[in-house]
Each structure stands twice: as structure tokens, then as C-alpha cells.
Amino acid sequence: MGRTITEAEAGVLVGLGGGERLALRLDRANRHGLVAGATGTGKTVTLQILAQGLSDAGVPVFAADVKGDLSGVAMAGSPNEKLLARATKMDLDLPSLAAPTVFWDLFGEQGHPIRATVSEVGPLLLSRMLELNDVQEGVLTVAFRVADEEGLLLLDLKDLQAVLGFVSENAADISARYGAVAKTSLAAIRRKLLVLEDQGAAGFFGEPALALSDLMRVDGSGRGHVNILAADRLINSPRLYATFLLWLLSELFEELPEVGDPEKPRLAFFFDEAHLLFRDAPRGLLEKVEQVVRLIRSKGVGVYFVTQNPADIPDSVLGQLGNRIQHALRAYTPADQKGLRAAAQSFRTNPDFDTAEAIQGLGVGEALVSLLDEKGAPCVVQKTLIRPPASRLGPATPAERDALMAQSPVRGLYDRTLDRESAHEMLQRRAQAAAAPARPPARGPSAPSAPTSRRSSGGGSNRQGLGEAFTKSVLRTVGSQIGREIVRGVLGGLRRR
């Protein structure tokens, strides 16, 4: 009797290569991966079959849908003759099956809104989102510190604008404590915040903030939910897109406990158009991204970068992506040829063919595939016919999307904005109190008044919450810590325990 194949070994079927079925092992799926190839070569379909295969295995998935096509994973497929012929060639039964799907949208138009508070995002990532220089980033960090000292809760952009105005009005006193805080830098930050608002980002900042547990749901049949982020509009603001996904990745790193190498991931995270994360990023940020990618796998999270050319990703990050699927590349320019050579050299050589030539000769739906084996080592690269999807090849219609959202497990949790008292309202109240005429003293004896505190203006319960949120924001900016504190400080933040 042969040995029973475990679920981890069976994995997610990718395609047929070298006369064998190639599958992504679940117990190696947290070792990250890469899906690359030129436009129109089948990357989105590959992403779709990976997402649905992981979902079927009970792994929740988060993926950005840049073109809208990935939404088809939510609908049962209707394979055409070409897809059926491919399935027959692979000796594969092709069911018509949809994956349990939850739609999200930063703008709240094609999915449930995703929000985070200004304090949660923190000054470092916010500076990247606003494209601030080093001086302006320092001024923004001071503004966060002042907000904490004054008991001002930073939830949305109007709170941050109000605090920046407060810092400007008290620039002399604040500069004496923290160094020069130039009003010109404050004005520049406020103008860039207006640009961010014009791009539609204001709705991202606020409450109710996203609970990561809502991205890691499993349905009643044990299948993981596929969380689709509508990014067709978001991609027009590439810095916002990249910074949001980096924030989400850092939140996962911070909040999830260590699990080592599990039998299957707790979450698979697909980062489409990954080159936007690394474009014009400062060296310090690149180093922290490298560290987070390396360490988050022990939290049970597999990160898969989807991009046109492997050369879009720094070598320090590329070296950590063990599972690789390479669709066709074209080499028309010297830069293209350099990228082609880099892609070919990243695979374990197959003596049966020249890897560089094979990459250029791949057809739509074909790829070079190298996955990790049971020891975590990359297998020899194989020319592979990618399996057809069981779900729809093409987008869900608006009506279908609306119907799914009406049945969503998070329906009603995030659809309405919560606007509680925070820095904007607190500073308005202070200004009104300062402008009010002094009252005449009361006649007769009066009871002694209770002692007051300047920090009580935000409410006792808010003070502790702000301290925790601000600690997280400030620690993200500290670049001189070592080990995990650097990673958690700069990208994820460390909650005060």
C-alpha cells in the first residue's frame, strides 16, 4: 500500500509540466512567491487559480484587482471549448465552482470601505503617501508627538489638518522643545493633504477601522474567503495604492502571533503591480520591506508579488520568493534583455531547454514554473501548461457584485462612517472657550472646583487609546532600534503590552 498523500503535499494544482502535475505545496506556501510576465500573457488567470485553490484548501486570500478581471473568481465558470480542451489534455475534471468572495474598496464604491485611523498609519507611511522630504517628515513626526501631549485624538484628515494648524500657531514654543518647526514645511504638508483629499483618499482615514480578523474568515464549508480589493480606480494614485498595501502588510506582521511553518498559511497576500511599492522608495524603507517579507512568513502569511518583470523587485526581496511562475517576456530593448537574463538566471536550470529562450517563446496560458519541494528547495524549472480556472474567466457584473455584497459576512460593519470627538472637535472647542467673554465672579461662597488637567480635554477613555495609537505611530519612525523593533517600529508599529 502506498503512502497517503497529505493535504499539504497535494497542494494547489498549478498546471502540467514535464509530464507531471505541478502543485504549490501548502506547507511551503508561506515561503512567498512571484508571478511575472508581460501584459496579456495570463498573469491574472494564474493569480485567479492560485487564489481559488488556496481558498478551497481553507486559506483566506487578499488580492488587489487592478483590471477588474479577478472579480470573476466569485462566479461559477462557464468554460469554452478552448478551456475544456486544455482540461482534457491535462486529464483534469473541470468543475464549475465559485469561491466565497468579499469585495472591498477604499472609496466604498465597488466593495465595503476599508478605513484606518491617521494614528494607525503613522507619520512614516503617511510621509511616503504624501511624498514628503526628510525635513517635512520630521515636522510631521513632531505634529504627532504634540497631538499625544495635548490629548488630541488623530482619526481622520481633518484631525491632522487641525493639529498642523495648532502646531503652526504655537511654532515658537514647539520649536523650543523639538527643534525648528518651520511654518513653510507645515504649509507644504497641509497643501499635500489637500491633494490627497482630491484623490479621494479622505475616506480611507477614519473609523470604523478595519479589523484584520475580517480578512481571515473561513466559510461554513471550510473554504477561505477571497478578499478582492477593487483597485482599478486606486491604481491611478499609485503612491496611495502601494502605501495602503504596505500598511496592511505591516499590520498583519504586527498583530499575528508566531506560528513557524504551519501546514498551510493563515493568509495568502497577493500584491499586484508590485513595482509600485519599490519605485522611488528610499533605501531605508526598502531594507525594512525586506525584513518584513522575511519575518512575516513565520506568522503564517505568504506574500506573492505580481509584476511584469522580476527586475522590478529588488534582489534582496526577490531572493526570498521561493515559488515562481514566469509567463512570457519580450526583449526588445537592452533593458528588456537585461531583465530577461535576470529572470532566466533566477531558476534552477533544466538541461532539456534554454531558459531564456523558453521565456520568450511561451504562449498565452503557458509559464515556466519552479515550486518549492518538501525540503524547501526550488524544483528544476518546467515548461508548464497552466490549468484552466473553475470560476469565471472575466469580471463579475455590477449587479452580481451588489448581490454578493448584500450577503457578505461583513455587511453593515463598515458601510457607515463613525465620527466621534477627536482633535478637530477638541481644538474647535478650545478656540471657542478662549474667544468667549470672561464671566463675572459669582456672589457668595462657592464650592471649591475640582482640579482640571489640560490633558483631560479629550476624555479619560480617549487618553489611553491615543497613547497606545501614538506609541505605535512614533515607534514606526524610529530607525535606530535593532532586530524586530526596527521592523515593527518602522512598518508595523508595536502595540504597548
Protein backbone atom coordinates (compact mmCIF):
# COMPACT_ATOMS: atom_id res chain seq x y z
CA MET A 1 0.00 0.00 0.00
CA GLY A 2 1.39 3.39 -0.98
CA ARG A 3 1.86 6.30 1.38
CA THR A 4 -1.16 8.55 1.88
CA ILE A 5 -0.66 11.98 0.34
CA THR A 6 -1.40 14.73 2.84
CA GLU A 7 -3.35 17.88 2.02
CA ALA A 8 -0.14 19.91 2.35
CA GLU A 9 1.60 17.71 -0.22
CA ALA A 10 -1.37 17.68 -2.62
CA GLY A 11 -1.39 21.46 -2.56
CA VAL A 12 -2.79 23.80 -5.19
CA LEU A 13 -2.63 22.47 -8.75
CA VAL A 14 -0.86 24.99 -10.98
CA GLY A 15 -0.55 23.07 -14.24
CA LEU A 16 1.04 20.26 -16.21
CA GLY A 17 4.80 20.40 -16.81
CA GLY A 18 7.44 17.81 -17.61
CA GLY A 19 4.73 15.20 -17.90
CA GLU A 20 3.68 15.74 -14.28
CA ARG A 21 1.15 17.80 -12.39
CA LEU A 22 2.85 20.70 -10.63
CA ALA A 23 1.28 21.84 -7.39
CA LEU A 24 2.07 24.52 -4.83
CA ARG A 25 2.62 22.71 -1.54
CA LEU A 26 0.51 24.21 1.23
CA ASP A 27 3.25 23.67 3.80
CA ARG A 28 5.60 25.77 1.63
CA ALA A 29 3.06 28.38 0.53
CA ASN A 30 4.17 30.75 3.31
CA ARG A 31 7.62 30.93 1.70
CA HIS A 32 6.28 33.60 -0.66
CA GLY A 33 6.21 33.69 -4.43
CA LEU A 34 6.40 35.59 -7.69
CA VAL A 35 4.07 35.70 -10.68
CA ALA A 36 5.66 37.63 -13.55
CA GLY A 37 5.12 38.19 -17.24
CA ALA A 38 4.30 40.75 -19.90
CA THR A 39 0.81 42.21 -20.26
CA GLY A 40 -1.64 39.77 -21.80
CA THR A 41 0.32 36.59 -21.07
CA GLY A 42 -2.04 35.18 -18.43
CA LYS A 43 -0.82 36.53 -15.06
CA THR A 44 -4.33 37.38 -13.87
CA VAL A 45 -5.63 33.88 -14.65
CA THR A 46 -2.69 32.38 -12.77
CA LEU A 47 -3.45 34.63 -9.81
CA GLN A 48 -7.10 33.51 -10.02
CA ILE A 49 -6.34 29.79 -9.93
CA LEU A 50 -3.90 30.26 -7.05
CA ALA A 51 -6.45 32.31 -5.09
CA GLN A 52 -9.24 29.78 -5.68
CA GLY A 53 -7.00 26.81 -4.98
CA LEU A 54 -5.85 28.27 -1.69
CA SER A 55 -9.45 29.14 -0.80
CA ASP A 56 -10.53 25.55 -1.49
CA ALA A 57 -7.78 24.40 0.89
CA GLY A 58 -9.15 26.63 3.67
CA VAL A 59 -6.68 29.52 3.25
CA PRO A 60 -8.13 33.07 3.24
CA VAL A 61 -6.76 35.27 0.45
CA PHE A 62 -6.34 39.02 -0.01
CA ALA A 63 -5.71 40.26 -3.56
CA ALA A 64 -5.84 43.58 -5.38
CA ASP A 65 -7.90 43.56 -8.58
CA VAL A 66 -6.23 46.16 -10.77
CA LYS A 67 -8.10 45.45 -14.02
CA GLY A 68 -11.40 44.15 -12.63
CA ASP A 69 -10.99 40.67 -14.14
CA LEU A 70 -10.16 38.96 -10.87
CA SER A 71 -13.69 39.55 -9.58
CA GLY A 72 -14.73 36.58 -11.74
CA VAL A 73 -13.44 34.28 -9.00
CA ALA A 74 -16.74 34.99 -7.22
CA MET A 75 -18.78 33.44 -10.04
CA ALA A 76 -19.02 29.85 -11.24
CA GLY A 77 -17.19 29.29 -14.51
CA SER A 78 -18.65 28.54 -17.94
CA PRO A 79 -15.63 27.09 -19.74
CA ASN A 80 -15.41 27.48 -23.51
CA GLU A 81 -14.16 24.83 -25.92
CA LYS A 82 -10.57 26.03 -25.62
CA LEU A 83 -10.56 25.68 -21.83
CA LEU A 84 -12.28 22.32 -21.97
CA ALA A 85 -9.68 21.08 -24.46
CA ARG A 86 -6.91 22.20 -22.13
CA ALA A 87 -8.55 20.40 -19.21
CA THR A 88 -8.85 17.23 -21.32
CA LYS A 89 -5.18 17.46 -22.29
CA MET A 90 -4.31 17.62 -18.60
CA ASP A 91 -6.70 14.75 -17.74
CA LEU A 92 -8.48 17.20 -15.45
CA ASP A 93 -12.13 17.34 -14.49
CA LEU A 94 -13.11 21.00 -14.71
CA PRO A 95 -15.93 21.78 -12.28
CA SER A 96 -17.94 24.99 -12.42
CA LEU A 97 -17.28 26.48 -9.00
CA ALA A 98 -17.16 29.95 -7.44
CA ALA A 99 -15.02 30.93 -4.46
CA PRO A 100 -16.57 32.62 -1.40
CA THR A 101 -15.69 36.25 -2.02
CA VAL A 102 -15.81 39.55 -0.13
CA PHE A 103 -15.39 42.77 -2.08
CA TRP A 104 -13.53 45.78 -0.64
CA ASP A 105 -12.88 49.28 -1.96
CA LEU A 106 -11.00 52.18 -0.36
CA PHE A 107 -13.52 54.51 -1.99
CA GLY A 108 -16.56 52.45 -0.94
CA GLU A 109 -17.91 52.21 -4.49
CA GLN A 110 -17.37 48.58 -5.55
CA GLY A 111 -17.00 46.99 -2.15
CA HIS A 112 -17.05 47.54 1.58
CA PRO A 113 -15.00 50.57 2.64
CA ILE A 114 -11.59 49.99 4.22
CA ARG A 115 -10.52 52.54 6.80
CA ALA A 116 -7.62 53.15 9.14
CA THR A 117 -7.04 55.99 11.58
CA VAL A 118 -4.30 58.54 10.99
CA SER A 119 -2.61 57.33 14.18
CA GLU A 120 -2.58 53.74 12.93
CA VAL A 121 -0.94 54.66 9.64
CA GLY A 122 1.67 56.76 11.44
CA PRO A 123 3.97 59.56 10.25
CA LEU A 124 6.44 57.41 8.29
CA LEU A 125 3.96 55.75 5.93
CA LEU A 126 1.90 58.92 5.74
CA SER A 127 5.04 60.80 4.71
CA ARG A 128 5.59 58.31 1.91
CA MET A 129 1.98 58.64 0.82
CA LEU A 130 2.37 62.45 0.71
CA GLU A 131 5.85 62.27 -0.89
CA LEU A 132 7.38 64.44 1.85
CA ASN A 133 11.07 65.22 2.05
CA ASP A 134 13.14 64.44 5.16
CA VAL A 135 12.55 67.86 6.76
CA GLN A 136 8.80 67.71 6.21
CA GLU A 137 8.69 64.16 7.56
CA GLY A 138 10.42 65.37 10.72
CA VAL A 139 7.87 68.15 11.13
CA LEU A 140 5.01 65.69 10.67
CA THR A 141 6.51 63.45 13.35
CA VAL A 142 6.62 66.42 15.73
CA ALA A 143 2.95 67.10 15.00
CA PHE A 144 2.10 63.53 16.03
CA ARG A 145 4.07 64.00 19.26
CA VAL A 146 2.28 67.25 20.04
CA ALA A 147 -1.08 65.60 19.44
CA ASP A 148 -0.23 62.99 22.04
CA GLU A 149 0.94 65.52 24.60
CA GLU A 150 -2.16 67.64 24.12
CA GLY A 151 -4.54 64.67 24.29
CA LEU A 152 -5.70 65.16 20.69
CA LEU A 153 -7.02 62.03 19.02
CA LEU A 154 -5.94 61.66 15.37
CA LEU A 155 -8.59 59.75 13.47
CA ASP A 156 -9.13 61.39 10.08
CA LEU A 157 -7.52 64.00 7.84
CA LYS A 158 -9.47 66.91 9.32
CA ASP A 159 -7.96 65.98 12.70
CA LEU A 160 -4.48 66.09 11.21
CA GLN A 161 -5.17 69.41 9.49
CA ALA A 162 -6.38 70.84 12.80
CA VAL A 163 -3.26 69.65 14.65
CA LEU A 164 -0.98 71.06 11.95
CA GLY A 165 -2.77 74.40 12.35
CA PHE A 166 -2.28 74.21 16.12
CA VAL A 167 1.43 73.49 15.66
CA SER A 168 1.73 76.45 13.27
CA GLU A 169 0.06 78.81 15.76
CA ASN A 170 2.41 77.64 18.52
CA ALA A 171 5.51 77.14 16.38
CA ALA A 172 7.82 79.17 18.60
CA ASP A 173 7.08 77.19 21.78
CA ILE A 174 7.11 73.84 19.97
CA SER A 175 10.39 74.66 18.19
CA ALA A 176 11.97 75.37 21.55
CA ARG A 177 11.16 71.84 22.66
CA TYR A 178 11.77 69.82 19.49
CA GLY A 179 13.93 71.93 17.22
CA ALA A 180 12.95 74.18 14.37
CA VAL A 181 9.44 73.61 13.09
CA ALA A 182 9.19 75.80 10.01
CA LYS A 183 5.81 77.19 9.08
CA THR A 184 6.74 76.74 5.43
CA SER A 185 7.07 72.98 6.00
CA LEU A 186 3.74 72.91 7.81
CA ALA A 187 2.10 74.77 4.94
CA ALA A 188 3.61 72.35 2.40
CA ILE A 189 2.27 69.35 4.34
CA ARG A 190 -1.19 70.87 4.53
CA ARG A 191 -1.23 71.53 0.79
CA LYS A 192 -0.23 67.93 0.08
CA LEU A 193 -3.00 66.73 2.35
CA LEU A 194 -5.44 68.67 0.17
CA VAL A 195 -4.05 66.90 -2.91
CA LEU A 196 -4.54 63.57 -1.14
CA GLU A 197 -8.13 64.51 -0.37
CA ASP A 198 -8.71 65.45 -4.02
CA GLN A 199 -7.54 61.95 -5.00
CA GLY A 200 -10.36 60.54 -2.88
CA ALA A 201 -8.16 59.30 -0.03
CA ALA A 202 -10.00 61.16 2.71
CA GLY A 203 -12.47 58.29 3.07
CA PHE A 204 -9.66 55.87 3.91
CA PHE A 205 -8.81 57.69 7.13
CA GLY A 206 -11.35 57.32 9.91
CA GLU A 207 -13.49 54.83 11.75
CA PRO A 208 -14.63 52.10 11.97
CA ALA A 209 -11.13 50.86 11.26
CA LEU A 210 -10.58 47.53 9.54
CA ALA A 211 -10.29 44.50 11.81
CA LEU A 212 -7.76 42.09 10.31
CA SER A 213 -9.83 39.15 11.51
CA ASP A 214 -12.41 40.12 8.87
CA LEU A 215 -9.82 39.36 6.18
CA MET A 216 -9.16 35.91 7.59
CA ARG A 217 -12.63 34.36 7.54
CA VAL A 218 -13.49 30.79 6.58
CA ASP A 219 -17.00 29.87 5.42
CA GLY A 220 -19.21 27.09 6.75
CA SER A 221 -17.74 24.53 4.35
CA GLY A 222 -14.18 25.28 5.46
CA ARG A 223 -13.17 27.35 2.43
CA GLY A 224 -11.23 30.55 2.95
CA HIS A 225 -12.79 33.80 1.81
CA VAL A 226 -11.14 35.52 -1.16
CA ASN A 227 -10.96 39.23 -0.32
CA ILE A 228 -10.89 41.26 -3.54
CA LEU A 229 -9.77 44.89 -3.34
CA ALA A 230 -11.20 46.93 -6.22
CA ALA A 231 -8.08 48.76 -7.43
CA ASP A 232 -9.00 49.90 -10.95
CA ARG A 233 -9.51 53.46 -9.65
CA LEU A 234 -6.99 53.20 -6.84
CA ILE A 235 -4.17 52.37 -9.25
CA ASN A 236 -4.48 55.92 -10.65
CA SER A 237 -2.99 57.04 -7.33
CA PRO A 238 0.00 54.66 -7.30
CA ARG A 239 1.59 56.06 -4.13
CA LEU A 240 -1.66 55.65 -2.21
CA TYR A 241 -2.09 52.13 -3.62
CA ALA A 242 1.41 50.98 -2.66
CA THR A 243 1.37 52.64 0.75
CA PHE A 244 -2.01 51.16 1.64
CA LEU A 245 -0.90 47.62 0.82
CA LEU A 246 2.36 48.17 2.69
CA TRP A 247 0.38 49.40 5.71
CA LEU A 248 -1.85 46.33 5.55
CA LEU A 249 1.16 44.04 5.34
CA SER A 250 2.76 45.74 8.33
CA GLU A 251 -0.48 45.45 10.35
CA LEU A 252 -0.54 41.72 9.67
CA PHE A 253 3.07 41.46 10.78
CA GLU A 254 2.33 43.31 13.99
CA GLU A 255 -0.88 41.63 15.07
CA LEU A 256 -0.45 37.98 14.14
CA PRO A 257 1.33 35.62 16.56
CA GLU A 258 4.32 33.49 15.59
CA VAL A 259 3.37 30.08 14.22
CA GLY A 260 6.59 28.97 12.47
CA ASP A 261 5.97 26.86 9.36
CA PRO A 262 2.30 25.78 9.52
CA GLU A 263 0.72 23.00 7.47
CA LYS A 264 -0.94 25.73 5.43
CA PRO A 265 -0.82 29.55 5.55
CA ARG A 266 -3.15 31.58 7.70
CA LEU A 267 -3.44 34.09 4.85
CA ALA A 268 -2.12 34.50 1.33
CA PHE A 269 -1.44 38.10 0.29
CA PHE A 270 -1.20 38.94 -3.44
CA PHE A 271 0.48 42.27 -4.27
CA ASP A 272 -0.36 43.11 -7.91
CA GLU A 273 1.64 45.79 -9.77
CA ALA A 274 4.32 45.21 -7.15
CA HIS A 275 6.83 47.51 -8.84
CA LEU A 276 4.83 50.46 -7.45
CA LEU A 277 5.93 49.50 -3.94
CA PHE A 278 9.61 49.85 -4.78
CA ARG A 279 9.56 52.74 -7.24
CA ASP A 280 11.44 55.74 -5.80
CA ALA A 281 11.43 54.16 -2.33
CA PRO A 282 14.28 55.34 -0.05
CA ARG A 283 16.92 52.76 0.84
CA GLY A 284 15.89 52.64 4.48
CA LEU A 285 12.32 51.73 3.55
CA LEU A 286 13.50 49.04 1.14
CA GLU A 287 15.54 47.45 3.92
CA LYS A 288 12.52 47.36 6.19
CA VAL A 289 10.33 45.85 3.46
CA GLU A 290 12.96 43.13 3.04
CA GLN A 291 12.91 42.41 6.76
CA VAL A 292 9.13 42.29 6.98
CA VAL A 293 8.86 39.95 3.99
CA ARG A 294 11.45 37.65 5.56
CA LEU A 295 9.88 37.61 9.01
CA ILE A 296 6.16 37.59 8.20
CA ARG A 297 6.31 34.03 6.89
CA SER A 298 6.74 32.86 10.48
CA LYS A 299 3.36 34.49 11.15
CA GLY A 300 1.83 32.12 8.60
CA VAL A 301 1.41 34.73 5.85
CA GLY A 302 2.51 34.02 2.29
CA VAL A 303 3.22 37.12 0.17
CA TYR A 304 3.03 36.82 -3.61
CA PHE A 305 4.31 39.67 -5.77
CA VAL A 306 2.70 40.04 -9.21
CA THR A 307 4.57 42.18 -11.71
CA GLN A 308 5.67 42.34 -15.34
CA ASN A 309 9.38 41.70 -14.88
CA PRO A 310 11.31 40.18 -11.95
CA ALA A 311 13.76 43.06 -12.37
CA ASP A 312 11.02 45.32 -10.92
CA ILE A 313 11.72 43.81 -7.50
CA PRO A 314 14.97 44.40 -5.57
CA ASP A 315 17.30 41.40 -5.37
CA SER A 316 17.10 41.41 -1.57
CA VAL A 317 13.33 40.78 -1.78
CA LEU A 318 13.42 38.64 -4.93
CA GLY A 319 15.75 36.19 -3.19
CA GLN A 320 13.03 35.41 -0.64
CA LEU A 321 10.39 34.43 -3.21
CA GLY A 322 10.74 30.67 -3.44
CA ASN A 323 7.68 29.77 -5.54
CA ARG A 324 7.99 31.24 -9.03
CA ILE A 325 5.72 31.33 -12.07
CA GLN A 326 7.17 33.15 -15.06
CA HIS A 327 4.95 33.95 -18.06
CA ALA A 328 6.33 35.24 -21.36
CA LEU A 329 8.65 38.24 -21.55
CA ARG A 330 9.59 40.26 -24.61
CA ALA A 331 13.13 41.56 -25.05
CA TYR A 332 13.02 44.49 -27.48
CA THR A 333 15.37 46.87 -25.68
CA PRO A 334 18.67 46.48 -23.79
CA ALA A 335 16.77 46.96 -20.53
CA ASP A 336 14.31 44.22 -21.54
CA GLN A 337 17.18 41.89 -22.39
CA LYS A 338 18.79 42.53 -19.02
CA GLY A 339 15.51 41.71 -17.28
CA LEU A 340 15.14 38.56 -19.37
CA ARG A 341 18.60 37.32 -18.38
CA ALA A 342 17.86 38.07 -14.72
CA ALA A 343 14.59 36.13 -14.91
CA ALA A 344 16.27 33.15 -16.57
CA GLN A 345 19.14 33.06 -14.07
CA SER A 346 16.74 33.02 -11.11
CA PHE A 347 15.55 29.49 -11.98
CA ARG A 348 17.15 26.15 -11.25
CA THR A 349 18.35 25.10 -14.71
CA ASN A 350 16.59 22.40 -16.70
CA PRO A 351 19.08 20.67 -19.07
CA ASP A 352 16.30 20.00 -21.57
CA PHE A 353 15.95 23.61 -22.74
CA ASP A 354 17.48 27.09 -22.65
CA THR A 355 15.57 29.05 -20.01
CA ALA A 356 15.96 32.49 -21.61
CA GLU A 357 14.78 31.26 -24.99
CA ALA A 358 11.90 29.39 -23.40
CA ILE A 359 10.65 32.53 -21.62
CA GLN A 360 10.42 34.40 -24.92
CA GLY A 361 8.66 31.52 -26.68
CA LEU A 362 5.88 30.95 -24.15
CA GLY A 363 2.29 31.29 -25.38
CA VAL A 364 -0.72 32.65 -23.50
CA GLY A 365 -1.55 30.30 -20.62
CA GLU A 366 1.95 28.84 -20.55
CA ALA A 367 4.65 29.57 -17.99
CA LEU A 368 7.94 28.42 -16.58
CA VAL A 369 7.25 27.10 -13.09
CA SER A 370 9.57 26.29 -10.20
CA LEU A 371 7.97 25.49 -6.85
CA LEU A 372 9.47 24.52 -3.50
CA ASP A 373 9.75 20.83 -2.64
CA GLU A 374 9.23 19.15 0.73
CA LYS A 375 12.67 20.33 1.90
CA GLY A 376 12.02 23.93 0.88
CA ALA A 377 14.38 23.76 -2.12
CA PRO A 378 13.30 25.01 -5.57
CA CYS A 379 12.49 22.31 -8.10
CA VAL A 380 14.00 22.25 -11.58
CA VAL A 381 12.12 24.71 -13.79
CA GLN A 382 9.49 23.18 -16.08
CA LYS A 383 7.62 24.41 -19.12
CA THR A 384 4.06 24.31 -17.84
CA LEU A 385 0.58 24.47 -19.27
CA ILE A 386 -1.39 26.45 -16.66
CA ARG A 387 -4.62 24.79 -15.61
CA PRO A 388 -7.94 26.50 -16.50
CA PRO A 389 -9.91 28.11 -13.67
CA ALA A 390 -13.08 26.61 -12.20
CA SER A 391 -14.53 30.09 -11.72
CA ARG A 392 -15.46 32.61 -14.37
CA LEU A 393 -12.81 33.83 -16.79
CA GLY A 394 -13.81 37.50 -16.79
CA PRO A 395 -15.27 40.07 -14.38
CA ALA A 396 -18.42 39.89 -12.30
CA THR A 397 -21.12 42.32 -13.39
CA PRO A 398 -22.13 45.25 -11.12
CA ALA A 399 -25.44 43.50 -10.38
CA GLU A 400 -23.66 40.29 -9.41
CA ARG A 401 -21.26 42.23 -7.22
CA ASP A 402 -24.15 44.01 -5.47
CA ALA A 403 -25.93 40.70 -4.84
CA LEU A 404 -22.81 39.21 -3.25
CA MET A 405 -22.28 42.29 -1.09
CA ALA A 406 -25.86 42.01 0.19
CA GLN A 407 -24.97 38.54 1.51
CA SER A 408 -21.49 39.50 2.71
CA PRO A 409 -20.38 38.30 6.16
CA VAL A 410 -19.21 41.86 6.96
CA ARG A 411 -22.34 43.61 5.67
CA GLY A 412 -23.17 46.59 7.90
CA LEU A 413 -19.88 46.54 9.82
CA TYR A 414 -18.01 49.15 7.77
CA ASP A 415 -20.55 50.75 5.48
CA ARG A 416 -21.26 53.78 7.69
CA THR A 417 -18.62 56.23 8.88
CA LEU A 418 -18.21 56.76 12.63
CA ASP A 419 -17.22 60.34 13.51
CA ARG A 420 -16.57 60.59 17.23
CA GLU A 421 -14.97 63.52 19.02
CA SER A 422 -11.32 63.86 18.13
CA ALA A 423 -8.63 66.50 17.53
CA HIS A 424 -10.72 68.66 15.16
CA GLU A 425 -13.63 69.00 17.59
CA MET A 426 -11.36 69.36 20.63
CA LEU A 427 -9.41 72.25 19.13
CA GLN A 428 -12.61 73.93 17.97
CA ARG A 429 -13.98 73.77 21.49
CA ARG A 430 -10.76 75.22 22.91
CA ALA A 431 -10.87 78.09 20.43
CA GLN A 432 -14.50 78.85 21.29
CA ALA A 433 -13.71 78.78 25.00
CA ALA A 434 -10.77 81.15 24.51
CA ALA A 435 -12.91 83.56 22.48
CA ALA A 436 -15.82 83.62 24.97
CA PRO A 437 -16.02 86.74 27.25
CA ALA A 438 -14.99 86.20 30.87
CA ARG A 439 -17.90 85.65 33.25
CA PRO A 440 -18.22 87.91 36.33
CA PRO A 441 -17.39 86.17 39.62
CA ALA A 442 -20.33 84.58 41.41
CA ARG A 443 -21.57 86.27 44.61
CA GLY A 444 -21.38 84.49 47.88
CA PRO A 445 -19.38 81.45 48.93
CA SER A 446 -18.76 78.87 46.29
CA ALA A 447 -17.74 75.27 46.49
CA PRO A 448 -14.13 74.53 45.59
CA SER A 449 -13.84 73.44 42.00
CA ALA A 450 -12.42 70.09 41.03
CA PRO A 451 -8.86 70.17 39.75
CA THR A 452 -8.61 70.16 35.99
CA SER A 453 -5.98 68.89 33.66
CA ARG A 454 -5.04 70.20 30.27
CA ARG A 455 -4.93 66.61 29.01
CA SER A 456 -8.46 65.83 30.07
CA SER A 457 -9.99 67.70 27.14
CA GLY A 458 -10.12 64.56 25.04
CA GLY A 459 -11.92 62.46 27.64
CA GLY A 460 -10.37 59.97 30.04
CA SER A 461 -11.04 56.92 27.89
CA ASN A 462 -9.53 58.54 24.82
CA ARG A 463 -6.28 59.39 26.55
CA GLN A 464 -5.16 55.81 26.95
CA GLY A 465 -6.29 54.87 23.45
CA LEU A 466 -4.40 57.81 21.98
CA GLY A 467 -1.29 56.89 23.93
CA GLU A 468 -1.37 53.40 22.52
CA ALA A 469 -2.04 54.62 18.98
CA PHE A 470 0.64 57.27 19.20
CA THR A 471 3.19 54.84 20.61
CA LYS A 472 2.57 52.73 17.56
CA SER A 473 2.99 55.74 15.24
CA VAL A 474 6.17 57.03 16.86
CA LEU A 475 7.84 53.65 17.05
CA ARG A 476 7.32 53.30 13.31
CA THR A 477 9.60 56.27 12.78
CA VAL A 478 12.46 55.08 14.95
CA GLY A 479 15.22 53.84 12.67
CA SER A 480 17.91 53.30 15.29
CA GLN A 481 16.33 50.30 17.03
CA ILE A 482 17.69 46.84 16.31
CA GLY A 483 16.22 43.49 15.38
CA ARG A 484 12.47 43.17 15.39
CA GLU A 485 11.94 46.61 16.91
CA ILE A 486 13.21 48.15 13.68
CA VAL A 487 10.72 46.23 11.61
CA ARG A 488 7.81 46.68 13.94
CA GLY A 489 8.81 50.30 14.65
CA VAL A 490 9.01 51.47 11.10
CA LEU A 491 6.48 49.36 9.24
CA GLY A 492 4.17 47.74 11.68
CA GLY A 493 4.35 49.58 14.94
CA LEU A 494 4.45 47.86 18.31
CA ARG A 495 1.40 47.98 20.49
CA ARG A 496 2.15 48.70 24.10
CA ARG A 497 1.66 45.49 26.01
